[in-house]
Amino acid sequence: MQDWRWAFGGAVAVTALNVCASSTTPAAPILAGRDLGPELRALEATVSRYPADRAALEALTEAYLAGGAPGLAVAAIDRAPEQVKNAVHVADAKARALTELGSPEAALATERRVLDACVKEVCSPTLVARAERRARWLAELVREGIDPLSEPERTLVAYRIAVREVRLDGR
């Protein structure tokens, strides 16, 4: 009678240990990037010392995005003064970061503000084209209710739908 209890208890312990050890680990925190490097400290110090320096904030957010830390990019932008936060390049970087974080609704609203600002002020054609393309893609994601982090296949289809072009001239 004792033998089956020990066997059953051992089997339960091994199963529990196996479940704990083999379960999928959560993704890295959104605030942690990969290989952010020591040069980032200088950018962070500059933005901390001069919060109204738009160029420094742009460089910092680009470094965060390149390093895979969109959460840090959004946090840095959110701490900036309003006039810096609403600059078109900074707002565009925030839309990109929100897209990477899987928040298409917030990213779409931010990207639309960028496009509205580009109507009032001169923006580079590259920025406008990039923002328009991303806004079309985000609108498709929102319209279809797609979560870009958990549905990569549908996200790709939405992107292809958003950027497709139709030519009527036969070329």
N, C-alpha and C. Protein backbone atom coordinates (compact mmCIF):
# COMPACT_ATOMS: atom_id res chain seq x y z
N MET A 1 0.82 -1.19 0.00
CA MET A 1 0.00 0.00 0.00
C MET A 1 0.87 1.26 0.00
N GLN A 2 1.98 1.22 0.74
CA GLN A 2 2.86 2.37 0.82
C GLN A 2 3.57 2.64 -0.51
N ASP A 3 3.87 1.59 -1.27
CA ASP A 3 4.65 1.74 -2.49
C ASP A 3 3.93 2.59 -3.54
N TRP A 4 2.64 2.39 -3.71
CA TRP A 4 1.95 3.15 -4.73
C TRP A 4 1.82 4.62 -4.34
N ARG A 5 1.77 4.92 -3.04
CA ARG A 5 1.69 6.33 -2.61
C ARG A 5 2.99 7.05 -2.94
N TRP A 6 4.12 6.38 -2.67
CA TRP A 6 5.40 6.98 -2.99
C TRP A 6 5.56 7.13 -4.50
N ALA A 7 5.13 6.15 -5.25
CA ALA A 7 5.22 6.22 -6.70
C ALA A 7 4.33 7.34 -7.25
N PHE A 8 3.11 7.43 -6.70
CA PHE A 8 2.19 8.47 -7.14
C PHE A 8 2.74 9.85 -6.77
N GLY A 9 3.23 10.00 -5.55
CA GLY A 9 3.80 11.29 -5.11
C GLY A 9 5.01 11.67 -5.94
N GLY A 10 5.84 10.69 -6.26
CA GLY A 10 7.01 10.96 -7.10
C GLY A 10 6.60 11.38 -8.50
N ALA A 11 5.58 10.71 -9.03
CA ALA A 11 5.11 11.06 -10.38
C ALA A 11 4.54 12.47 -10.41
N VAL A 12 3.78 12.84 -9.37
CA VAL A 12 3.23 14.20 -9.29
C VAL A 12 4.36 15.22 -9.17
N ALA A 13 5.36 14.95 -8.36
CA ALA A 13 6.49 15.87 -8.19
C ALA A 13 7.26 16.04 -9.49
N VAL A 14 7.51 14.93 -10.18
CA VAL A 14 8.23 15.00 -11.45
C VAL A 14 7.42 15.77 -12.49
N THR A 15 6.11 15.53 -12.54
CA THR A 15 5.25 16.24 -13.47
C THR A 15 5.24 17.73 -13.17
N ALA A 16 5.11 18.08 -11.90
CA ALA A 16 5.10 19.50 -11.52
C ALA A 16 6.43 20.16 -11.87
N LEU A 17 7.52 19.47 -11.59
CA LEU A 17 8.84 20.02 -11.92
C LEU A 17 8.99 20.17 -13.43
N ASN A 18 8.51 19.21 -14.17
CA ASN A 18 8.58 19.28 -15.63
C ASN A 18 7.76 20.45 -16.17
N VAL A 19 6.58 20.66 -15.63
CA VAL A 19 5.73 21.77 -16.07
C VAL A 19 6.40 23.10 -15.77
N CYS A 20 6.97 23.21 -14.56
CA CYS A 20 7.64 24.47 -14.19
C CYS A 20 8.86 24.72 -15.05
N ALA A 21 9.62 23.69 -15.32
CA ALA A 21 10.87 23.85 -16.07
C ALA A 21 10.63 24.05 -17.55
N SER A 22 9.58 23.47 -18.11
CA SER A 22 9.39 23.54 -19.55
C SER A 22 8.39 24.58 -20.00
N SER A 23 7.77 25.28 -19.08
CA SER A 23 6.80 26.29 -19.52
C SER A 23 7.53 27.40 -20.24
N THR A 24 6.83 28.04 -21.12
CA THR A 24 7.46 29.09 -21.89
C THR A 24 7.74 30.28 -20.99
N THR A 25 8.88 30.85 -21.18
CA THR A 25 9.23 32.02 -20.39
C THR A 25 8.61 33.24 -21.05
N PRO A 26 8.21 34.20 -20.27
CA PRO A 26 7.63 35.40 -20.87
C PRO A 26 8.69 36.16 -21.67
N ALA A 27 8.21 36.96 -22.59
CA ALA A 27 9.13 37.78 -23.38
C ALA A 27 9.88 38.72 -22.46
N ALA A 28 11.00 39.21 -22.94
CA ALA A 28 11.78 40.15 -22.15
C ALA A 28 10.94 41.39 -21.86
N PRO A 29 11.16 42.00 -20.73
CA PRO A 29 10.37 43.20 -20.42
C PRO A 29 10.56 44.26 -21.48
N ILE A 30 9.52 45.01 -21.72
CA ILE A 30 9.57 46.01 -22.78
C ILE A 30 10.56 47.12 -22.47
N LEU A 31 10.94 47.25 -21.21
CA LEU A 31 11.89 48.29 -20.86
C LEU A 31 13.33 47.85 -21.07
N ALA A 32 13.56 46.59 -21.31
CA ALA A 32 14.92 46.11 -21.51
C ALA A 32 15.19 45.91 -22.99
N GLY A 33 16.28 46.47 -23.44
CA GLY A 33 16.67 46.30 -24.83
C GLY A 33 17.84 45.35 -24.92
N ARG A 34 18.32 45.16 -26.10
CA ARG A 34 19.49 44.31 -26.27
C ARG A 34 20.65 45.16 -26.77
N ASP A 35 21.79 44.98 -26.17
CA ASP A 35 23.02 45.67 -26.57
C ASP A 35 22.83 47.18 -26.70
N LEU A 36 22.30 47.79 -25.66
CA LEU A 36 22.07 49.24 -25.73
C LEU A 36 23.38 50.02 -25.72
N GLY A 37 24.41 49.48 -25.11
CA GLY A 37 25.74 50.06 -25.19
C GLY A 37 25.97 51.23 -24.26
N PRO A 38 27.25 51.51 -24.01
CA PRO A 38 27.62 52.59 -23.09
C PRO A 38 27.36 53.99 -23.64
N GLU A 39 27.34 54.14 -24.97
CA GLU A 39 27.11 55.48 -25.55
C GLU A 39 25.72 56.00 -25.23
N LEU A 40 24.84 55.10 -24.84
CA LEU A 40 23.48 55.50 -24.49
C LEU A 40 23.47 56.34 -23.21
N ARG A 41 24.39 56.08 -22.33
CA ARG A 41 24.45 56.85 -21.07
C ARG A 41 24.63 58.33 -21.34
N ALA A 42 25.46 58.66 -22.32
CA ALA A 42 25.70 60.07 -22.65
C ALA A 42 24.42 60.71 -23.19
N LEU A 43 23.68 60.00 -24.04
CA LEU A 43 22.41 60.53 -24.54
C LEU A 43 21.41 60.70 -23.41
N GLU A 44 21.32 59.72 -22.53
CA GLU A 44 20.40 59.82 -21.40
C GLU A 44 20.77 60.99 -20.50
N ALA A 45 22.06 61.20 -20.28
CA ALA A 45 22.50 62.32 -19.45
C ALA A 45 22.16 63.65 -20.10
N THR A 46 22.34 63.74 -21.40
CA THR A 46 22.02 64.98 -22.12
C THR A 46 20.52 65.29 -22.04
N VAL A 47 19.70 64.28 -22.26
CA VAL A 47 18.25 64.49 -22.19
C VAL A 47 17.83 64.83 -20.77
N SER A 48 18.48 64.22 -19.81
CA SER A 48 18.15 64.51 -18.41
C SER A 48 18.55 65.95 -18.04
N ARG A 49 19.72 66.38 -18.50
CA ARG A 49 20.20 67.74 -18.20
C ARG A 49 19.43 68.80 -18.98
N TYR A 50 19.12 68.51 -20.24
CA TYR A 50 18.46 69.48 -21.12
C TYR A 50 17.17 68.87 -21.68
N PRO A 51 16.11 68.84 -20.90
CA PRO A 51 14.88 68.18 -21.37
C PRO A 51 14.24 68.85 -22.58
N ALA A 52 14.56 70.10 -22.86
CA ALA A 52 13.97 70.80 -24.00
C ALA A 52 14.79 70.61 -25.28
N ASP A 53 15.85 69.82 -25.22
CA ASP A 53 16.69 69.57 -26.39
C ASP A 53 16.04 68.48 -27.25
N ARG A 54 15.34 68.93 -28.27
CA ARG A 54 14.59 68.02 -29.13
C ARG A 54 15.50 67.06 -29.88
N ALA A 55 16.63 67.56 -30.37
CA ALA A 55 17.56 66.70 -31.12
C ALA A 55 18.12 65.59 -30.24
N ALA A 56 18.41 65.89 -28.99
CA ALA A 56 18.93 64.86 -28.08
C ALA A 56 17.87 63.81 -27.79
N LEU A 57 16.61 64.25 -27.63
CA LEU A 57 15.54 63.29 -27.39
C LEU A 57 15.31 62.41 -28.62
N GLU A 58 15.38 63.01 -29.80
CA GLU A 58 15.25 62.21 -31.03
C GLU A 58 16.34 61.15 -31.12
N ALA A 59 17.58 61.56 -30.82
CA ALA A 59 18.69 60.61 -30.87
C ALA A 59 18.52 59.51 -29.84
N LEU A 60 18.05 59.87 -28.65
CA LEU A 60 17.84 58.88 -27.59
C LEU A 60 16.75 57.89 -27.97
N THR A 61 15.63 58.39 -28.48
CA THR A 61 14.55 57.48 -28.84
C THR A 61 14.95 56.58 -30.01
N GLU A 62 15.71 57.12 -30.96
CA GLU A 62 16.20 56.28 -32.07
C GLU A 62 17.12 55.19 -31.54
N ALA A 63 17.97 55.53 -30.57
CA ALA A 63 18.87 54.53 -29.99
C ALA A 63 18.08 53.46 -29.24
N TYR A 64 17.07 53.89 -28.50
CA TYR A 64 16.23 52.91 -27.80
C TYR A 64 15.52 51.99 -28.79
N LEU A 65 14.96 52.56 -29.85
CA LEU A 65 14.25 51.75 -30.84
C LEU A 65 15.21 50.80 -31.56
N ALA A 66 16.39 51.28 -31.90
CA ALA A 66 17.38 50.42 -32.55
C ALA A 66 17.84 49.30 -31.62
N GLY A 67 17.84 49.57 -30.32
CA GLY A 67 18.26 48.57 -29.34
C GLY A 67 17.16 47.66 -28.88
N GLY A 68 15.97 47.81 -29.43
CA GLY A 68 14.86 46.93 -29.06
C GLY A 68 14.22 47.26 -27.73
N ALA A 69 14.24 48.54 -27.36
CA ALA A 69 13.63 48.97 -26.10
C ALA A 69 12.58 50.04 -26.35
N PRO A 70 11.46 49.67 -27.01
CA PRO A 70 10.44 50.68 -27.30
C PRO A 70 9.78 51.24 -26.05
N GLY A 71 9.73 50.47 -24.99
CA GLY A 71 9.17 50.96 -23.73
C GLY A 71 9.97 52.12 -23.17
N LEU A 72 11.28 52.02 -23.27
CA LEU A 72 12.13 53.12 -22.82
C LEU A 72 11.95 54.35 -23.70
N ALA A 73 11.76 54.13 -24.99
CA ALA A 73 11.54 55.25 -25.91
C ALA A 73 10.26 56.00 -25.54
N VAL A 74 9.18 55.26 -25.29
CA VAL A 74 7.91 55.89 -24.92
C VAL A 74 8.05 56.62 -23.58
N ALA A 75 8.74 56.00 -22.63
CA ALA A 75 8.92 56.63 -21.31
C ALA A 75 9.71 57.93 -21.43
N ALA A 76 10.75 57.93 -22.26
CA ALA A 76 11.55 59.15 -22.44
C ALA A 76 10.72 60.25 -23.08
N ILE A 77 9.93 59.89 -24.07
CA ILE A 77 9.09 60.89 -24.75
C ILE A 77 8.02 61.42 -23.80
N ASP A 78 7.41 60.54 -23.03
CA ASP A 78 6.35 60.98 -22.12
C ASP A 78 6.86 61.93 -21.04
N ARG A 79 8.14 61.85 -20.68
CA ARG A 79 8.70 62.74 -19.66
C ARG A 79 9.13 64.09 -20.24
N ALA A 80 9.15 64.21 -21.55
CA ALA A 80 9.61 65.44 -22.20
C ALA A 80 8.58 66.56 -22.06
N PRO A 81 9.04 67.82 -22.14
CA PRO A 81 8.09 68.94 -22.15
C PRO A 81 7.17 68.86 -23.36
N GLU A 82 6.02 69.47 -23.26
CA GLU A 82 4.98 69.36 -24.30
C GLU A 82 5.47 69.77 -25.68
N GLN A 83 6.20 70.91 -25.79
CA GLN A 83 6.62 71.36 -27.11
C GLN A 83 7.60 70.38 -27.74
N VAL A 84 8.40 69.69 -26.95
CA VAL A 84 9.33 68.69 -27.48
C VAL A 84 8.57 67.42 -27.81
N LYS A 85 7.67 67.02 -26.92
CA LYS A 85 6.88 65.81 -27.10
C LYS A 85 6.04 65.87 -28.36
N ASN A 86 5.57 67.06 -28.74
CA ASN A 86 4.69 67.22 -29.89
C ASN A 86 5.43 67.53 -31.18
N ALA A 87 6.76 67.61 -31.15
CA ALA A 87 7.52 67.81 -32.38
C ALA A 87 7.29 66.60 -33.28
N VAL A 88 7.22 66.84 -34.59
CA VAL A 88 6.80 65.77 -35.50
C VAL A 88 7.73 64.56 -35.48
N HIS A 89 9.02 64.78 -35.44
CA HIS A 89 9.95 63.64 -35.43
C HIS A 89 9.85 62.85 -34.14
N VAL A 90 9.66 63.54 -33.04
CA VAL A 90 9.52 62.87 -31.74
C VAL A 90 8.21 62.10 -31.70
N ALA A 91 7.13 62.72 -32.18
CA ALA A 91 5.83 62.05 -32.19
C ALA A 91 5.85 60.84 -33.13
N ASP A 92 6.56 60.97 -34.25
CA ASP A 92 6.68 59.84 -35.17
C ASP A 92 7.44 58.68 -34.50
N ALA A 93 8.48 59.01 -33.76
CA ALA A 93 9.22 57.97 -33.03
C ALA A 93 8.33 57.31 -31.99
N LYS A 94 7.46 58.10 -31.35
CA LYS A 94 6.55 57.52 -30.37
C LYS A 94 5.56 56.58 -31.05
N ALA A 95 5.07 56.95 -32.22
CA ALA A 95 4.15 56.07 -32.94
C ALA A 95 4.84 54.76 -33.30
N ARG A 96 6.10 54.84 -33.72
CA ARG A 96 6.85 53.62 -34.02
C ARG A 96 7.03 52.75 -32.78
N ALA A 97 7.33 53.39 -31.66
CA ALA A 97 7.52 52.64 -30.42
C ALA A 97 6.21 51.99 -29.97
N LEU A 98 5.12 52.74 -30.06
CA LEU A 98 3.82 52.18 -29.67
C LEU A 98 3.44 51.02 -30.59
N THR A 99 3.81 51.10 -31.86
CA THR A 99 3.56 50.00 -32.79
C THR A 99 4.33 48.77 -32.34
N GLU A 100 5.60 48.94 -31.98
CA GLU A 100 6.41 47.81 -31.53
C GLU A 100 5.90 47.23 -30.21
N LEU A 101 5.27 48.05 -29.40
CA LEU A 101 4.73 47.59 -28.13
C LEU A 101 3.39 46.87 -28.31
N GLY A 102 2.84 46.90 -29.50
CA GLY A 102 1.58 46.22 -29.75
C GLY A 102 0.36 47.03 -29.38
N SER A 103 0.44 48.35 -29.52
CA SER A 103 -0.68 49.25 -29.23
C SER A 103 -1.08 49.99 -30.51
N PRO A 104 -1.75 49.30 -31.43
CA PRO A 104 -2.05 49.94 -32.70
C PRO A 104 -3.00 51.13 -32.59
N GLU A 105 -3.94 51.11 -31.65
CA GLU A 105 -4.87 52.23 -31.51
C GLU A 105 -4.13 53.50 -31.11
N ALA A 106 -3.28 53.39 -30.08
CA ALA A 106 -2.52 54.56 -29.62
C ALA A 106 -1.53 55.01 -30.69
N ALA A 107 -0.90 54.05 -31.37
CA ALA A 107 0.05 54.39 -32.41
C ALA A 107 -0.64 55.11 -33.57
N LEU A 108 -1.84 54.65 -33.93
CA LEU A 108 -2.59 55.28 -35.02
C LEU A 108 -2.97 56.71 -34.65
N ALA A 109 -3.43 56.92 -33.44
CA ALA A 109 -3.79 58.28 -33.01
C ALA A 109 -2.57 59.19 -33.04
N THR A 110 -1.44 58.69 -32.60
CA THR A 110 -0.21 59.48 -32.61
C THR A 110 0.24 59.77 -34.03
N GLU A 111 0.16 58.77 -34.90
CA GLU A 111 0.58 58.97 -36.29
C GLU A 111 -0.33 59.95 -37.01
N ARG A 112 -1.61 59.93 -36.69
CA ARG A 112 -2.53 60.91 -37.29
C ARG A 112 -2.20 62.33 -36.84
N ARG A 113 -1.78 62.48 -35.57
CA ARG A 113 -1.35 63.80 -35.10
C ARG A 113 -0.10 64.26 -35.85
N VAL A 114 0.79 63.33 -36.16
CA VAL A 114 1.99 63.67 -36.94
C VAL A 114 1.57 64.17 -38.32
N LEU A 115 0.67 63.46 -38.96
CA LEU A 115 0.23 63.87 -40.30
C LEU A 115 -0.50 65.21 -40.27
N ASP A 116 -1.30 65.43 -39.23
CA ASP A 116 -1.98 66.73 -39.09
C ASP A 116 -0.96 67.85 -38.90
N ALA A 117 0.08 67.59 -38.12
CA ALA A 117 1.12 68.60 -37.90
C ALA A 117 1.89 68.88 -39.19
N CYS A 118 2.06 67.85 -40.02
CA CYS A 118 2.78 68.04 -41.29
C CYS A 118 1.97 68.87 -42.29
N VAL A 119 0.68 68.96 -42.09
CA VAL A 119 -0.13 69.84 -42.93
C VAL A 119 0.14 71.29 -42.56
N LYS A 120 0.37 71.55 -41.27
CA LYS A 120 0.57 72.91 -40.78
C LYS A 120 2.01 73.40 -40.93
N GLU A 121 2.98 72.47 -40.87
CA GLU A 121 4.38 72.84 -40.98
C GLU A 121 5.05 71.98 -42.04
N VAL A 122 6.23 72.40 -42.45
CA VAL A 122 6.96 71.70 -43.50
C VAL A 122 7.62 70.45 -42.90
N CYS A 123 7.29 69.31 -43.46
CA CYS A 123 7.90 68.04 -43.07
C CYS A 123 8.58 67.45 -44.29
N SER A 124 9.56 66.64 -44.05
CA SER A 124 10.25 66.01 -45.19
C SER A 124 9.31 65.04 -45.88
N PRO A 125 9.44 64.90 -47.19
CA PRO A 125 8.60 63.94 -47.91
C PRO A 125 8.78 62.51 -47.39
N THR A 126 9.98 62.19 -46.93
CA THR A 126 10.23 60.85 -46.37
C THR A 126 9.41 60.62 -45.12
N LEU A 127 9.39 61.61 -44.24
CA LEU A 127 8.61 61.49 -43.00
C LEU A 127 7.13 61.35 -43.31
N VAL A 128 6.63 62.16 -44.23
CA VAL A 128 5.21 62.11 -44.58
C VAL A 128 4.85 60.76 -45.19
N ALA A 129 5.68 60.28 -46.12
CA ALA A 129 5.40 59.00 -46.77
C ALA A 129 5.43 57.86 -45.75
N ARG A 130 6.44 57.87 -44.87
CA ARG A 130 6.54 56.83 -43.85
C ARG A 130 5.35 56.88 -42.91
N ALA A 131 4.95 58.07 -42.51
CA ALA A 131 3.81 58.22 -41.59
C ALA A 131 2.50 57.79 -42.26
N GLU A 132 2.33 58.15 -43.53
CA GLU A 132 1.10 57.75 -44.24
C GLU A 132 1.02 56.23 -44.37
N ARG A 133 2.14 55.62 -44.71
CA ARG A 133 2.16 54.15 -44.87
C ARG A 133 1.87 53.47 -43.53
N ARG A 134 2.51 53.94 -42.47
CA ARG A 134 2.27 53.34 -41.15
C ARG A 134 0.83 53.58 -40.70
N ALA A 135 0.28 54.76 -40.98
CA ALA A 135 -1.10 55.05 -40.60
C ALA A 135 -2.08 54.12 -41.32
N ARG A 136 -1.83 53.86 -42.61
CA ARG A 136 -2.70 52.92 -43.35
C ARG A 136 -2.63 51.53 -42.74
N TRP A 137 -1.42 51.09 -42.42
CA TRP A 137 -1.24 49.77 -41.82
C TRP A 137 -1.90 49.69 -40.45
N LEU A 138 -1.68 50.70 -39.62
CA LEU A 138 -2.29 50.71 -38.28
C LEU A 138 -3.81 50.77 -38.37
N ALA A 139 -4.33 51.53 -39.32
CA ALA A 139 -5.78 51.59 -39.49
C ALA A 139 -6.34 50.22 -39.86
N GLU A 140 -5.61 49.49 -40.68
CA GLU A 140 -6.03 48.13 -41.04
C GLU A 140 -5.99 47.21 -39.82
N LEU A 141 -4.95 47.34 -39.01
CA LEU A 141 -4.86 46.53 -37.79
C LEU A 141 -6.03 46.82 -36.85
N VAL A 142 -6.32 48.09 -36.67
CA VAL A 142 -7.42 48.49 -35.78
C VAL A 142 -8.75 48.04 -36.35
N ARG A 143 -8.95 48.23 -37.65
CA ARG A 143 -10.21 47.85 -38.29
C ARG A 143 -10.48 46.36 -38.14
N GLU A 144 -9.44 45.55 -38.30
CA GLU A 144 -9.59 44.09 -38.22
C GLU A 144 -9.46 43.55 -36.79
N GLY A 145 -9.11 44.41 -35.84
CA GLY A 145 -8.95 43.96 -34.46
C GLY A 145 -7.78 43.02 -34.27
N ILE A 146 -6.69 43.27 -34.96
CA ILE A 146 -5.52 42.39 -34.92
C ILE A 146 -4.57 42.85 -33.83
N ASP A 147 -4.12 41.89 -33.03
CA ASP A 147 -3.09 42.15 -32.03
C ASP A 147 -1.75 41.80 -32.67
N PRO A 148 -0.92 42.80 -32.97
CA PRO A 148 0.31 42.52 -33.71
C PRO A 148 1.31 41.64 -32.97
N LEU A 149 1.25 41.61 -31.66
CA LEU A 149 2.20 40.79 -30.91
C LEU A 149 1.82 39.32 -30.90
N SER A 150 0.54 39.02 -30.92
CA SER A 150 0.13 37.62 -30.83
C SER A 150 -0.35 37.04 -32.16
N GLU A 151 -0.50 37.89 -33.17
CA GLU A 151 -0.98 37.41 -34.47
C GLU A 151 -0.06 37.90 -35.60
N PRO A 152 1.16 37.39 -35.66
CA PRO A 152 2.09 37.92 -36.66
C PRO A 152 1.66 37.65 -38.11
N GLU A 153 1.00 36.52 -38.35
CA GLU A 153 0.58 36.22 -39.72
C GLU A 153 -0.48 37.21 -40.18
N ARG A 154 -1.46 37.47 -39.33
CA ARG A 154 -2.51 38.42 -39.69
C ARG A 154 -1.95 39.84 -39.80
N THR A 155 -0.94 40.15 -38.98
CA THR A 155 -0.30 41.46 -39.04
C THR A 155 0.37 41.65 -40.39
N LEU A 156 1.04 40.62 -40.87
CA LEU A 156 1.68 40.70 -42.18
C LEU A 156 0.65 40.85 -43.30
N VAL A 157 -0.45 40.14 -43.20
CA VAL A 157 -1.51 40.27 -44.21
C VAL A 157 -2.07 41.69 -44.18
N ALA A 158 -2.29 42.23 -42.99
CA ALA A 158 -2.80 43.60 -42.88
C ALA A 158 -1.81 44.60 -43.48
N TYR A 159 -0.53 44.36 -43.29
CA TYR A 159 0.47 45.25 -43.88
C TYR A 159 0.42 45.18 -45.40
N ARG A 160 0.33 43.97 -45.92
CA ARG A 160 0.29 43.82 -47.37
C ARG A 160 -0.96 44.45 -47.97
N ILE A 161 -2.06 44.35 -47.26
CA ILE A 161 -3.30 44.99 -47.73
C ILE A 161 -3.15 46.51 -47.69
N ALA A 162 -2.55 47.01 -46.64
CA ALA A 162 -2.43 48.46 -46.46
C ALA A 162 -1.50 49.10 -47.48
N VAL A 163 -0.47 48.38 -47.92
CA VAL A 163 0.51 49.01 -48.80
C VAL A 163 0.39 48.57 -50.26
N ARG A 164 -0.62 47.79 -50.57
CA ARG A 164 -0.77 47.36 -51.96
C ARG A 164 -1.10 48.55 -52.85
N GLU A 165 -0.68 48.43 -54.07
CA GLU A 165 -0.94 49.48 -55.04
C GLU A 165 -1.65 48.85 -56.23
N VAL A 166 -2.56 49.58 -56.79
CA VAL A 166 -3.29 49.13 -57.97
C VAL A 166 -2.94 50.09 -59.10
N ARG A 167 -2.51 49.53 -60.22
CA ARG A 167 -2.19 50.35 -61.37
C ARG A 167 -3.21 50.07 -62.48
N LEU A 168 -3.73 51.12 -63.04
CA LEU A 168 -4.73 50.98 -64.08
C LEU A 168 -4.16 51.21 -65.47
N ASP A 169 -2.91 51.68 -65.55
CA ASP A 169 -2.35 52.00 -66.85
C ASP A 169 -1.68 50.82 -67.54
N GLY A 170 -1.70 49.62 -66.95
CA GLY A 170 -1.19 48.42 -67.59
C GLY A 170 0.31 48.22 -67.48
N ARG A 171 1.00 49.04 -66.69
CA ARG A 171 2.45 48.88 -66.54
C ARG A 171 2.79 47.91 -65.49
